[in-house]
Structure formats: C-alpha cells, structure tokens
Protein backbone atom coordinates (compact mmCIF):
# COMPACT_ATOMS: atom_id res chain seq x y z
CA UNK A 1 4.12 8.74 33.69
CA UNK A 2 6.17 11.52 32.11
CA UNK A 3 5.52 15.24 32.32
CA UNK A 4 2.19 15.76 30.54
CA UNK A 5 2.78 19.51 30.40
CA UNK A 6 5.78 19.16 28.09
CA UNK A 7 4.96 20.54 24.63
CA UNK A 8 7.12 19.03 21.84
CA UNK A 9 5.85 21.59 19.34
CA UNK A 10 7.20 24.46 21.45
CA UNK A 11 10.62 22.79 21.50
CA UNK A 12 10.86 21.82 17.83
CA UNK A 13 13.50 23.63 15.77
CA UNK A 14 12.94 23.57 12.01
CA UNK A 15 15.44 24.76 9.44
CA UNK A 16 13.64 26.72 6.69
CA UNK A 17 10.06 25.87 7.76
CA UNK A 18 7.11 25.79 5.36
CA UNK A 19 3.79 27.57 5.85
CA UNK A 20 0.38 25.92 6.30
CA UNK A 21 -0.41 26.76 2.67
CA UNK A 22 2.88 25.24 1.52
CA UNK A 23 2.08 22.11 3.50
CA UNK A 24 -1.42 21.95 1.99
CA UNK A 25 -0.04 22.28 -1.55
CA UNK A 26 2.59 19.60 -0.90
CA UNK A 27 0.04 17.16 0.54
CA UNK A 28 -2.29 17.64 -2.43
CA UNK A 29 0.61 17.11 -4.81
CA UNK A 30 1.89 13.95 -3.16
CA UNK A 31 -1.60 12.37 -3.25
CA UNK A 32 -3.03 13.44 -6.60
CA UNK A 33 -0.92 11.65 -9.18
CA UNK A 34 -1.04 8.88 -11.76
CA UNK A 35 -3.37 6.74 -9.63
CA UNK A 36 -6.31 9.09 -10.23
CA UNK A 37 -6.37 8.08 -13.92
CA UNK A 38 -7.29 4.54 -12.88
CA UNK A 39 -10.22 5.58 -10.67
CA UNK A 40 -12.89 5.23 -13.41
CA UNK A 41 -11.76 1.60 -13.73
CA UNK A 42 -12.07 1.24 -9.94
CA UNK A 43 -15.65 2.56 -10.09
CA UNK A 44 -16.39 0.02 -12.80
CA UNK A 45 -15.34 -2.69 -10.32
CA UNK A 46 -17.34 -1.26 -7.37
CA UNK A 47 -20.26 0.53 -9.06
CA UNK A 48 -21.54 4.10 -8.94
CA UNK A 49 -23.19 3.74 -5.51
CA UNK A 50 -20.88 1.35 -3.68
CA UNK A 51 -17.76 2.92 -5.23
CA UNK A 52 -18.05 6.39 -3.63
CA UNK A 53 -19.07 4.89 -0.28
CA UNK A 54 -16.06 2.54 -0.25
CA UNK A 55 -13.76 5.33 -1.44
CA UNK A 56 -14.87 7.60 1.42
CA UNK A 57 -14.57 4.77 3.97
CA UNK A 58 -11.12 3.74 2.71
CA UNK A 59 -9.89 7.34 2.68
CA UNK A 60 -11.19 7.82 6.23
CA UNK A 61 -9.33 4.72 7.46
CA UNK A 62 -6.11 5.68 5.67
CA UNK A 63 -6.19 9.29 6.89
CA UNK A 64 -6.98 8.10 10.41
CA UNK A 65 -3.93 5.84 10.17
CA UNK A 66 -1.76 8.83 9.25
CA UNK A 67 -3.30 10.89 12.07
CA UNK A 68 -2.55 8.03 14.49
CA UNK A 69 1.01 7.73 13.26
CA UNK A 70 1.78 11.42 13.68
CA UNK A 71 0.02 11.61 17.07
CA UNK A 72 2.09 8.63 18.23
CA UNK A 73 5.27 10.35 17.04
CA UNK A 74 4.29 13.51 18.95
CA UNK A 75 3.49 11.42 22.04
CA UNK A 76 6.91 9.74 21.82
CA UNK A 77 8.50 13.20 21.66
CA UNK A 78 6.49 14.30 24.69
CA UNK A 79 7.51 11.30 26.78
CA UNK A 80 11.14 11.56 25.71
CA UNK A 81 10.93 15.36 26.23
CA UNK A 82 12.45 16.25 22.87
CA UNK A 83 11.16 18.50 20.12
CA UNK A 84 10.82 15.85 17.42
CA UNK A 85 11.10 12.07 17.15
CA UNK A 86 11.35 10.65 13.64
CA UNK A 87 9.37 7.65 12.43
CA UNK A 88 11.91 4.84 13.09
CA UNK A 89 12.87 6.23 16.51
CA UNK A 90 9.17 6.53 17.34
CA UNK A 91 8.61 2.92 16.29
CA UNK A 92 11.50 1.75 18.47
CA UNK A 93 10.39 3.89 21.43
CA UNK A 94 6.76 2.73 21.14
CA UNK A 95 7.66 -0.94 20.96
CA UNK A 96 9.93 -0.51 23.99
CA UNK A 97 6.86 0.67 25.95
CA UNK A 98 4.74 -2.34 25.00
CA UNK A 99 4.48 -5.97 26.11
CA UNK A 100 7.66 -8.01 26.48
CA UNK A 101 7.36 -9.59 23.01
CA UNK A 102 7.41 -6.10 21.47
CA UNK A 103 10.34 -4.91 23.56
CA UNK A 104 12.55 -7.65 22.16
CA UNK A 105 12.11 -6.33 18.62
CA UNK A 106 11.99 -2.59 19.39
CA UNK A 107 15.31 -1.73 17.72
CA UNK A 108 14.56 -3.91 14.70
CA UNK A 109 11.12 -2.24 14.34
CA UNK A 110 12.80 1.11 13.77
CA UNK A 111 14.95 -0.26 10.96
CA UNK A 112 11.93 -1.99 9.41
CA UNK A 113 10.08 1.36 9.33
CA UNK A 114 12.98 3.05 7.51
CA UNK A 115 13.43 0.20 5.03
CA UNK A 116 9.70 0.05 4.25
CA UNK A 117 9.52 3.80 3.63
CA UNK A 118 12.60 3.73 1.39
CA UNK A 119 11.31 0.80 -0.68
CA UNK A 120 7.89 2.42 -1.12
CA UNK A 121 9.19 5.81 -2.27
CA UNK A 122 12.03 4.45 -4.37
CA UNK A 123 9.47 2.33 -6.22
CA UNK A 124 7.23 5.36 -6.72
CA UNK A 125 10.15 7.33 -8.17
CA UNK A 126 10.94 4.61 -10.70
CA UNK A 127 7.26 4.41 -11.70
CA UNK A 128 7.20 8.19 -12.16
CA UNK A 129 10.22 8.11 -14.48
CA UNK A 130 8.69 5.33 -16.58
CA UNK A 131 5.28 7.09 -16.67
CA UNK A 132 6.77 10.42 -17.76
CA UNK A 133 8.95 8.77 -20.40
CA UNK A 134 6.08 6.64 -21.75
CA UNK A 135 3.78 9.62 -22.20
CA UNK A 136 6.38 11.82 -23.86
CA UNK A 137 7.38 8.88 -26.05
CA UNK A 138 3.77 8.41 -27.22
CA UNK A 139 3.61 12.05 -28.28
CA UNK A 140 7.09 12.75 -29.60
CA UNK A 141 7.42 9.55 -31.65
CA UNK A 142 4.92 11.10 -34.07
CA UNK A 143 7.46 13.80 -34.88
CA UNK A 144 10.89 12.55 -33.77
CA UNK A 145 12.15 8.99 -34.12
CA UNK A 146 14.22 8.52 -30.96
CA UNK A 147 13.48 4.82 -30.71
CA UNK A 148 13.29 2.63 -27.64
CA UNK A 149 11.47 3.80 -24.48
CA UNK A 150 14.72 3.27 -22.59
CA UNK A 151 16.25 6.29 -24.34
CA UNK A 152 13.43 8.48 -23.04
CA UNK A 153 13.89 7.13 -19.50
CA UNK A 154 17.59 7.99 -19.65
CA UNK A 155 16.87 11.49 -21.00
CA UNK A 156 14.25 12.35 -18.39
CA UNK A 157 16.40 10.85 -15.64
CA UNK A 158 19.15 13.26 -16.67
CA UNK A 159 16.73 16.22 -16.90
CA UNK A 160 15.43 15.53 -13.38
CA UNK A 161 18.86 15.94 -11.75
CA UNK A 162 18.73 19.76 -11.30
CA UNK A 163 15.26 19.61 -9.72
CA UNK A 164 16.23 16.67 -7.51
CA UNK A 165 19.22 18.59 -6.18
CA UNK A 166 16.86 21.05 -4.42
CA UNK A 167 17.66 20.13 -0.83
CA UNK A 168 15.05 21.95 1.27
CA UNK A 169 11.39 20.98 1.16
CA UNK A 170 10.42 24.65 1.38
CA UNK A 171 11.95 25.34 -2.04
CA UNK A 172 9.95 22.52 -3.62
CA UNK A 173 6.67 24.30 -2.82
CA UNK A 174 6.75 26.46 -6.04
CA UNK A 175 7.24 23.27 -8.10
CA UNK A 176 4.34 21.66 -6.25
CA UNK A 177 2.09 24.67 -6.94
CA UNK A 178 2.91 24.50 -10.67
CA UNK A 179 2.35 20.74 -10.66
CA UNK A 180 -1.04 21.10 -8.94
CA UNK A 181 -2.13 23.73 -11.46
CA UNK A 182 -1.03 21.51 -14.34
CA UNK A 183 -2.82 18.39 -13.15
CA UNK A 184 -6.13 20.18 -12.60
CA UNK A 185 -5.78 21.83 -16.02
CA UNK A 186 -5.25 18.32 -17.40
CA UNK A 187 -8.37 17.09 -15.58
CA UNK A 188 -10.41 20.00 -16.95
CA UNK A 189 -9.25 19.14 -20.49
CA UNK A 190 -10.13 15.48 -19.94
CA UNK A 191 -13.66 16.53 -18.94
CA UNK A 192 -14.04 18.03 -22.42
CA UNK A 193 -14.07 14.45 -23.70
CA UNK A 194 -15.94 12.99 -20.74
CA UNK A 195 -18.98 15.25 -21.15
CA UNK A 196 -19.44 14.24 -24.77
CA UNK A 197 -22.01 11.52 -25.57
CA UNK A 198 -22.72 10.46 -22.00
CA UNK A 199 -24.66 7.19 -21.90
CA UNK A 200 -27.78 6.82 -19.72
CA UNK A 201 -26.67 6.71 -16.08
CA UNK A 202 -29.07 3.84 -15.42
CA UNK A 203 -27.00 1.65 -17.77
CA UNK A 204 -24.11 1.70 -15.33
CA UNK A 205 -23.55 -0.85 -12.60
CA UNK A 206 -24.58 0.51 -9.21
CA UNK A 207 -22.80 -2.08 -7.05
CA UNK A 208 -20.24 -3.65 -9.37
CA UNK A 209 -18.75 -7.12 -9.13
CA UNK A 210 -17.92 -8.27 -5.55
CA UNK A 211 -15.10 -10.45 -6.93
CA UNK A 212 -13.41 -7.32 -8.31
CA UNK A 213 -13.39 -5.39 -5.04
CA UNK A 214 -9.76 -6.37 -4.30
CA UNK A 215 -8.74 -4.54 -7.48
CA UNK A 216 -10.85 -1.55 -6.41
CA UNK A 217 -9.06 -1.33 -3.06
CA UNK A 218 -5.69 -1.76 -4.75
CA UNK A 219 -6.29 1.25 -7.02
CA UNK A 220 -7.65 3.39 -4.17
CA UNK A 221 -4.74 2.53 -1.88
CA UNK A 222 -2.22 3.46 -4.57
CA UNK A 223 -4.13 6.70 -5.31
CA UNK A 224 -4.38 8.02 -1.75
CA UNK A 225 -1.39 6.87 0.27
CA UNK A 226 1.97 8.68 0.49
CA UNK A 227 3.03 8.22 4.11
CA UNK A 228 6.63 9.34 3.80
CA UNK A 229 5.73 12.70 2.28
CA UNK A 230 3.04 13.30 4.92
CA UNK A 231 5.62 12.76 7.67
CA UNK A 232 8.22 14.90 5.93
CA UNK A 233 5.79 17.78 5.39
CA UNK A 234 4.61 17.73 9.01
CA UNK A 235 8.20 17.72 10.28
CA UNK A 236 9.08 20.84 8.26
CA UNK A 237 6.02 22.97 9.09
CA UNK A 238 6.35 26.27 10.93
CA UNK A 239 3.16 25.35 12.81
CA UNK A 240 3.08 21.50 12.83
CA UNK A 241 0.19 21.43 15.31
CA UNK A 242 -1.99 22.65 12.42
CA UNK A 243 -1.29 19.53 10.37
CA UNK A 244 -3.53 17.07 12.24
CA UNK A 245 -6.75 17.47 14.18
CA UNK A 246 -10.19 18.56 13.04
CA UNK A 247 -9.93 20.77 9.95
CA UNK A 248 -6.15 20.62 10.01
CA UNK A 249 -4.08 20.70 6.84
CA UNK A 250 -4.38 16.93 6.39
CA UNK A 251 -8.17 16.85 6.83
CA UNK A 252 -8.81 19.74 4.45
CA UNK A 253 -6.51 18.24 1.83
CA UNK A 254 -8.23 14.86 2.23
CA UNK A 255 -11.67 16.43 1.66
CA UNK A 256 -10.46 18.16 -1.53
CA UNK A 257 -8.86 14.96 -2.79
CA UNK A 258 -11.84 12.68 -2.05
CA UNK A 259 -14.33 15.05 -3.72
CA UNK A 260 -12.05 15.33 -6.77
CA UNK A 261 -11.63 11.55 -6.93
CA UNK A 262 -15.36 10.83 -6.70
CA UNK A 263 -16.20 13.32 -9.46
CA UNK A 264 -13.40 12.07 -11.70
CA UNK A 265 -14.14 8.39 -11.07
CA UNK A 266 -17.90 8.57 -11.58
CA UNK A 267 -17.85 10.76 -14.68
CA UNK A 268 -15.01 8.78 -16.26
CA UNK A 269 -16.93 5.53 -15.77
CA UNK A 270 -20.18 7.19 -16.88
CA UNK A 271 -18.62 8.30 -20.17
CA UNK A 272 -16.85 5.09 -21.17
CA UNK A 273 -18.79 2.44 -19.21
CA UNK A 274 -17.46 -1.10 -19.44
CA UNK A 275 -15.05 0.05 -22.14
CA UNK A 276 -13.00 2.10 -19.65
CA UNK A 277 -9.27 1.41 -19.87
CA UNK A 278 -6.80 0.90 -17.02
CA UNK A 279 -5.76 4.54 -17.45
CA UNK A 280 -8.40 6.98 -18.67
CA UNK A 281 -5.93 8.63 -21.04
CA UNK A 282 -5.94 5.40 -23.08
CA UNK A 283 -9.61 6.05 -23.93
CA UNK A 284 -8.89 9.46 -25.41
CA UNK A 285 -8.74 9.83 -29.21
CA UNK A 286 -5.37 10.46 -30.84
CA UNK A 287 -5.67 14.14 -31.65
CA UNK A 288 -3.79 17.31 -30.64
CA UNK A 289 -5.87 18.01 -27.51
CA UNK A 290 -5.43 14.51 -26.08
CA UNK A 291 -1.72 14.64 -26.87
CA UNK A 292 -1.52 17.94 -24.98
CA UNK A 293 -3.24 16.27 -22.02
CA UNK A 294 -0.58 13.55 -21.97
CA UNK A 295 2.19 16.16 -22.02
CA UNK A 296 0.56 18.19 -19.21
CA UNK A 297 0.05 15.15 -16.96
CA UNK A 298 3.55 13.86 -17.67
CA UNK A 299 5.03 17.28 -16.83
CA UNK A 300 3.06 17.30 -13.57
CA UNK A 301 4.50 13.92 -12.57
CA UNK A 302 7.99 15.02 -13.64
CA UNK A 303 7.77 17.98 -11.24
CA UNK A 304 6.53 15.62 -8.49
CA UNK A 305 9.59 13.36 -8.74
CA UNK A 306 11.76 15.45 -6.33
CA UNK A 307 9.00 15.44 -3.67
CA UNK A 308 8.72 11.64 -3.65
CA UNK A 309 12.48 11.14 -3.69
CA UNK A 310 12.95 13.64 -0.86
CA UNK A 311 11.73 11.01 1.60
CA UNK A 312 14.47 8.50 0.76
CA UNK A 313 17.26 11.09 0.80
CA UNK A 314 16.02 12.55 4.09
CA UNK A 315 16.05 9.10 5.70
CA UNK A 316 19.56 8.30 4.51
CA UNK A 317 20.98 11.66 5.57
CA UNK A 318 19.23 12.32 8.90
CA UNK A 319 18.84 8.73 10.14
CA UNK A 320 22.19 7.28 9.07
CA UNK A 321 24.86 9.29 7.25
CA UNK A 322 24.48 12.60 9.12
CA UNK A 323 22.48 11.46 12.14
CA UNK A 324 24.43 13.61 14.63
CA UNK A 325 24.52 16.62 12.31
CA UNK A 326 28.33 16.92 12.31
CA UNK A 327 29.08 15.54 8.82
CA UNK A 328 31.72 17.63 7.04
CA UNK A 329 30.64 19.14 3.71
CA UNK A 330 27.15 17.73 4.32
CA UNK A 331 25.53 19.74 1.52
CA UNK A 332 28.03 18.57 -1.09
CA UNK A 333 27.72 14.96 0.02
CA UNK A 334 23.91 15.16 -0.03
CA UNK A 335 23.98 16.51 -3.58
CA UNK A 336 26.23 13.62 -4.61
CA UNK A 337 23.81 11.23 -2.90
CA UNK A 338 20.87 12.80 -4.73
CA UNK A 339 22.60 12.48 -8.10
CA UNK A 340 23.44 8.86 -7.29
CA UNK A 341 19.79 8.20 -6.39
CA UNK A 342 18.58 9.59 -9.72
CA UNK A 343 21.17 7.55 -11.61
CA UNK A 344 20.13 4.36 -9.78
CA UNK A 345 16.40 4.98 -10.37
CA UNK A 346 17.08 5.74 -14.03
CA UNK A 347 19.16 2.60 -14.51
CA UNK A 348 16.41 0.62 -12.78
CA UNK A 349 13.83 2.04 -15.20
CA UNK A 350 16.08 1.45 -18.21
CA UNK A 351 16.77 -2.16 -17.22
CA UNK A 352 13.13 -2.97 -16.38
CA UNK A 353 10.76 -0.50 -18.07
CA UNK A 354 7.78 -2.81 -17.42
CA UNK A 355 7.70 -2.64 -13.64
CA UNK A 356 3.94 -2.85 -13.09
CA UNK A 357 3.67 -6.36 -11.60
CA UNK A 358 6.75 -6.00 -9.39
CA UNK A 359 5.80 -2.58 -8.06
CA UNK A 360 2.25 -3.75 -7.36
CA UNK A 361 3.86 -6.30 -5.05
CA UNK A 362 6.00 -3.61 -3.40
CA UNK A 363 2.91 -1.44 -2.97
CA UNK A 364 0.92 -4.24 -1.35
CA UNK A 365 3.77 -4.91 1.06
CA UNK A 366 4.43 -1.30 2.02
CA UNK A 367 1.14 0.62 1.96
CA UNK A 368 -0.74 -1.73 4.29
CA UNK A 369 2.14 -1.67 6.77
CA UNK A 370 2.76 2.08 6.74
CA UNK A 371 -0.87 3.21 6.78
CA UNK A 372 -2.51 0.64 9.02
CA UNK A 373 -0.36 -1.97 10.75
CA UNK A 374 2.53 0.16 12.08
CA UNK A 375 0.37 3.03 13.50
CA UNK A 376 -1.97 0.53 15.21
CA UNK A 377 0.91 -1.36 16.84
CA UNK A 378 2.46 1.91 17.99
CA UNK A 379 -0.76 3.05 19.67
CA UNK A 380 -1.21 -0.33 21.35
CA UNK A 381 2.29 -0.20 22.80
CA UNK A 382 2.13 3.45 23.91
CA UNK A 383 -1.09 2.81 25.86
CA UNK A 384 0.21 -0.41 27.44
CA UNK A 385 2.25 0.94 30.41
CA UNK A 386 0.60 1.46 33.78
CA UNK A 387 -0.97 4.90 34.02
CA UNK A 388 -2.17 4.88 30.42
CA UNK A 389 -5.46 3.51 29.11
CA UNK A 390 -7.11 2.09 25.99
CA UNK A 391 -10.26 4.03 26.86
CA UNK A 392 -13.68 2.90 28.00
CA UNK A 393 -14.35 -0.73 27.08
CA UNK A 394 -10.81 -0.69 25.64
CA UNK A 395 -12.18 0.79 22.43
CA UNK A 396 -8.74 1.93 21.25
CA UNK A 397 -7.38 -1.61 21.55
CA UNK A 398 -10.38 -3.01 19.65
CA UNK A 399 -10.00 -0.37 16.94
CA UNK A 400 -6.27 -1.05 16.61
CA UNK A 401 -6.84 -4.81 16.31
CA UNK A 402 -9.42 -4.18 13.58
CA UNK A 403 -6.96 -1.92 11.72
CA UNK A 404 -4.19 -4.52 12.00
CA UNK A 405 -6.54 -7.25 10.75
CA UNK A 406 -7.64 -5.07 7.82
CA UNK A 407 -4.02 -4.20 7.02
CA UNK A 408 -2.90 -7.83 7.12
CA UNK A 409 -5.80 -8.83 4.85
CA UNK A 410 -4.76 -6.19 2.32
CA UNK A 411 -1.14 -7.29 2.68
CA UNK A 412 -1.88 -10.99 2.08
CA UNK A 413 -4.50 -10.43 -0.58
CA UNK A 414 -2.47 -7.81 -2.46
CA UNK A 415 0.66 -9.96 -2.31
CA UNK A 416 -1.16 -13.02 -3.68
CA UNK A 417 -2.76 -11.08 -6.54
CA UNK A 418 0.55 -9.36 -7.36
CA UNK A 419 2.47 -12.65 -7.42
CA UNK A 420 -0.18 -14.17 -9.69
CA UNK A 421 0.10 -11.16 -12.03
CA UNK A 422 3.91 -11.46 -12.02
CA UNK A 423 3.76 -15.17 -12.89
CA UNK A 424 1.31 -14.51 -15.73
CA UNK A 425 3.21 -11.45 -17.00
CA UNK A 426 6.71 -12.88 -16.94
CA UNK A 427 5.45 -16.28 -18.09
CA UNK A 428 4.29 -14.69 -21.34
CA UNK A 429 7.53 -12.84 -21.95
C-alpha cells in the first residue's frame, strides 16, 4: 500500500483558482440548460407521483457516480503521490491496478475517456448553437427577413468567438452568474403562463405510461449530466476538498437543481396536461412576453457555450498539445485552437441544423459511460489490489456491478431508440 498520509489537495497547484461560490455558480450553470424545458414532457411520461421519485433517484445515482469519479481521481493522485491526476490518467492508473484483463487495456482506457468527453461536449456545443439560432430566428423573422436558419447559426457562431477566447475558467464565472440570473428570470416569466387556467390536479396521470419510461430517463439524463464541466470545475477550485462530500458544492448544487426541476416539471405538466410539447416554450402563445422568454433563454445558452467548450479545449491542450507545459506561445496557439473549434462547430451546425436524432445517439453513448460505467470500473480496480477492500460483504463491488448493469442498460436502450429515431427521421427526408 502507498502512503495513506499523503494529501493530494495540499500538493495541488492551481493557476487562477476559483472560489467555492464560483464553483457553485458554474455547476448550476452547466446543469440547468435546455433540457429543463423538456421536463414537463418527462413528467407526462412518468406521472406526477412516480416522476419526482424517479427524478430524485436518478439524480442521486448520477451525482453518486460523479462523486465516485472524483474520489477515484483523488485516490489515484494519493497513490501516485502527485497533486492532481486528470481523468484519462486516472482511468489508466485505475485499470493498471485491477485484474489482468483490465491491465491489458489500461492505456487504451485513458484515451477512451478523453474521446468520450470530447464527443459529449462537442455535441453539446453544436446543440447550443442550433438552439440559440433557432430561438432568435423565431423572434427576429417577424421583423427582419434574414432567411435560412443556417445564416443565424453562422452569425451566432461568429459572435461567440470573443467569449470562447476567454482562457481561464475563473473569468467565465461572471458570465455564468449572468446566465444563471437570466434563466431563472425566464423560468419566472414562464410561470406567469403556467399559473393561468390550471386544470384539476386529479385529471393528471399519477404514474404515467410504463412503456414511456425510457423517454423519461433520456430527458432526465440529458438535463442533469455534464461530467466534463464537473471535473474541470473541481480541478480549478481553490479548495477542491469542498467540492465533494456531505453538503459540498456538488451536493448543494444538486439539491437546488432537483427542487427546481421537480417544481418546473410538475407545474408545466399540470398546466398543459397531455397537450405538453417537447419543449415547454412551444406551448406559449405568440405574444411579446413569450418572445422575450425565448430571447432570454437563448441568451442564457449563448453565454453557456464557452463553459461547455472549455472541456474540449482543456483536454486538447493539457492532455496532448501542451502536456508537458513547455509549448512556445501556448496562449496564442490556444486562442487559435479555440477559434478553430468555434468554426468547426458552426460549420457542423450549418451543414446539419437538424441534429436531434444523431446527438441523442451520442448522448446515449457518452452519458451512461461517463456517469456510471467508467466510475464503477475505476472503483472496482482501485479496490482490487491486496491491502484494499470492497467493504463488508463486498458491498462496494455489488454496488459497482449494479451501476455498470444500469449504465449498460441505458447505453443499449438509448442507442436502440436513437437509431430507430434516426431511421424514421432520415427516412422521411
């Protein structure tokens, strides 16, 4: 066994660290996004009683997966006696500690972690550009005839460049604060419509349709998970030990998010019932207030774009291009990389503005792996060597196997449903 007294936190050096409050704001911002607008539809699928219970249970499992992942990364740092071990290096180190079959693929596991994170957050960035452009297009086309949605995507891609060139996570905190204020203002304005003409609560479904539960879980997974940002925020904190643990930054943020989601989901479904649309904004009447809501929510997502893209750029720079920290003119080259990323995401959105089916597939492939499967495998491997334990009755091993099984089920099920949707969608084009 390695030195158990070694404290990685005490030996971690962070350039321009962020405060606990900055971390809290960033976590809230990376979770509360476009997915929340689909929660009333999710509650239609699961019902007003089963829906909140499943939402709480799913959030607990997902947050536990993030806690496990970060604790495993800290444990890898402790055993290697370094201040910080990033996600792919932690994956490789963990697998190298496990059974022989895991040791053979340890190096490959690290690359898989990086690739999965990059795919997930690149896809989110493209979705954000399309979402922002679609909402502004819906409003501005009433006054200005710009034409095709692709023009809007190109315009907002260009406008996002200055914000995306903010290199340090610390300097994104003011943008995240503004974005959080905007989205909750938007929610408050939406409640103006929701509280009008509420139908009898007893008319709603209490337990929903069991056959629609896969769609419920798909919406909830998309609404809660943002693994790459969680890891990035924790790595840049001045006091990273405050991120996890009971009533840490992550737990407090999760409580705020879950309460907000339950209120929004139940009341949205209560107001519109079975007529609820895939996005609640589609149920709003076409009048100045609802148009203002679209602009506010689109602006919020526009300001969130740099936070989601930060993950991909950070991986490329710190894990590959400038891994040893001796790259000449690193800042200039990172800015060029950031501009190139925005251009690529914009071209992707312009070429394929209807990315829903494809990105649902990407989400099914990445979220289940990042939140459930990878952390469980890491914990299994780290507790495998002699001198370590899975706990009494091997409860950690049992828990990890359950998480892996759950993750694989989501992976297979989500992939099948996404492929079916892609076949139907592109078959009708």
